[in-house]
């Protein structure tokens, strides 16, 4: 490991340049069908990296479901689409992970 930063948002950089980055998005009180900009702690060298994530959603009566998606990405950031309908509950988070060089 060449460098790292731990916490809710962090990264690990290996000596060959491979990077693992992670974070938490909180969609509480954001508008439905909007995007959030997420800036990486460390830039990737190319856009050939993978982003995956899992979301938590506090189901409420009348909910039609919850979703999120990556809509755009560069070497330094990505945009996360907010498909959560009822954000007032405070349980709408995405735990994301990005890996690549």
Protein backbone atom coordinates (compact mmCIF):
# COMPACT_ATOMS: atom_id res chain seq x y z
CA UNK A 1 0.00 0.00 0.00
CA UNK A 2 1.46 3.32 -1.10
CA UNK A 3 -1.08 5.56 0.66
CA UNK A 4 -4.53 5.48 2.19
CA UNK A 5 -7.18 7.45 4.02
CA UNK A 6 -9.80 5.67 6.09
CA UNK A 7 -13.24 6.85 7.16
CA UNK A 8 -16.72 7.12 5.64
CA UNK A 9 -15.07 8.52 2.51
CA UNK A 10 -11.64 7.12 1.84
CA UNK A 11 -9.20 5.44 -0.47
CA UNK A 12 -6.32 3.00 -0.79
CA UNK A 13 -3.63 3.38 -3.44
CA UNK A 14 -1.38 0.41 -4.14
CA UNK A 15 2.22 0.74 -5.30
CA UNK A 16 1.23 -0.21 -8.89
CA UNK A 17 -1.28 2.67 -8.98
CA UNK A 18 -4.45 0.59 -8.49
CA UNK A 19 -7.01 2.57 -6.47
CA UNK A 20 -9.97 1.63 -4.30
CA UNK A 21 -12.16 4.55 -3.25
CA UNK A 22 -15.40 4.58 -1.28
CA UNK A 23 -17.95 6.90 0.24
CA UNK A 24 -21.46 7.49 1.46
CA UNK A 25 -24.07 9.60 -0.33
CA UNK A 26 -26.92 10.97 1.72
CA UNK A 27 -29.95 11.75 -0.40
CA UNK A 28 -31.99 13.15 2.50
CA UNK A 29 -33.77 16.36 1.52
CA UNK A 30 -32.52 16.32 -2.08
CA UNK A 31 -35.03 16.67 -4.84
CA UNK A 32 -36.39 13.57 -6.51
CA UNK A 33 -34.84 12.93 -9.95
CA UNK A 34 -31.86 15.21 -9.36
CA UNK A 35 -28.16 14.41 -9.43
CA UNK A 36 -25.42 14.87 -6.86
CA UNK A 37 -21.79 15.51 -7.82
CA UNK A 38 -19.32 13.22 -6.09
CA UNK A 39 -15.65 14.20 -6.21
CA UNK A 40 -13.05 11.49 -5.69
CA UNK A 41 -10.39 12.01 -3.03
CA UNK A 42 -7.78 10.95 -5.62
CA UNK A 43 -8.19 11.20 -9.41
CA UNK A 44 -8.21 8.06 -11.51
CA UNK A 45 -5.81 8.04 -14.46
CA UNK A 46 -8.55 6.95 -16.92
CA UNK A 47 -12.33 6.67 -16.96
CA UNK A 48 -12.01 2.87 -17.18
CA UNK A 49 -12.92 2.34 -13.54
CA UNK A 50 -15.90 0.62 -12.00
CA UNK A 51 -18.42 2.12 -9.59
CA UNK A 52 -20.83 -0.01 -7.64
CA UNK A 53 -22.99 0.64 -4.64
CA UNK A 54 -25.85 -0.39 -2.47
CA UNK A 55 -28.60 1.77 -1.12
CA UNK A 56 -30.63 1.83 2.03
CA UNK A 57 -34.19 3.04 1.87
CA UNK A 58 -36.70 3.28 4.65
CA UNK A 59 -39.90 2.03 3.00
CA UNK A 60 -42.99 4.11 3.74
CA UNK A 61 -46.64 3.76 2.80
CA UNK A 62 -47.19 4.80 -0.80
CA UNK A 63 -43.54 4.43 -1.83
CA UNK A 64 -42.99 3.32 -5.38
CA UNK A 65 -39.46 2.15 -4.69
CA UNK A 66 -35.96 3.53 -4.63
CA UNK A 67 -33.09 3.67 -7.05
CA UNK A 68 -29.85 5.42 -7.85
CA UNK A 69 -27.57 5.43 -10.88
CA UNK A 70 -24.28 6.83 -12.13
CA UNK A 71 -25.15 9.22 -14.95
CA UNK A 72 -21.78 10.73 -15.85
CA UNK A 73 -18.18 10.20 -14.87
CA UNK A 74 -14.74 11.71 -15.34
CA UNK A 75 -11.36 10.86 -13.82
CA UNK A 76 -12.08 13.15 -10.85
CA UNK A 77 -15.82 12.76 -10.18
CA UNK A 78 -19.13 11.11 -10.99
CA UNK A 79 -22.75 12.17 -10.90
CA UNK A 80 -25.23 10.12 -8.91
CA UNK A 81 -28.87 10.19 -9.99
CA UNK A 82 -31.39 10.37 -7.16
CA UNK A 83 -34.34 8.06 -7.74
CA UNK A 84 -35.49 8.02 -4.11
CA UNK A 85 -39.06 9.29 -3.89
CA UNK A 86 -39.38 10.00 -0.16
CA UNK A 87 -36.15 11.36 1.24
CA UNK A 88 -37.66 12.88 4.38
CA UNK A 89 -37.23 9.66 6.32
CA UNK A 90 -33.45 10.08 6.48
CA UNK A 91 -32.75 6.46 5.57
CA UNK A 92 -31.83 7.08 1.93
CA UNK A 93 -28.10 6.54 1.54
CA UNK A 94 -25.83 4.97 -1.04
CA UNK A 95 -22.63 3.25 0.00
CA UNK A 96 -20.44 3.35 -3.11
CA UNK A 97 -17.13 1.80 -4.13
CA UNK A 98 -14.95 2.72 -7.12
CA UNK A 99 -11.97 0.67 -8.31
CA UNK A 100 -9.46 1.20 -11.10
CA UNK A 101 -6.18 2.87 -12.10
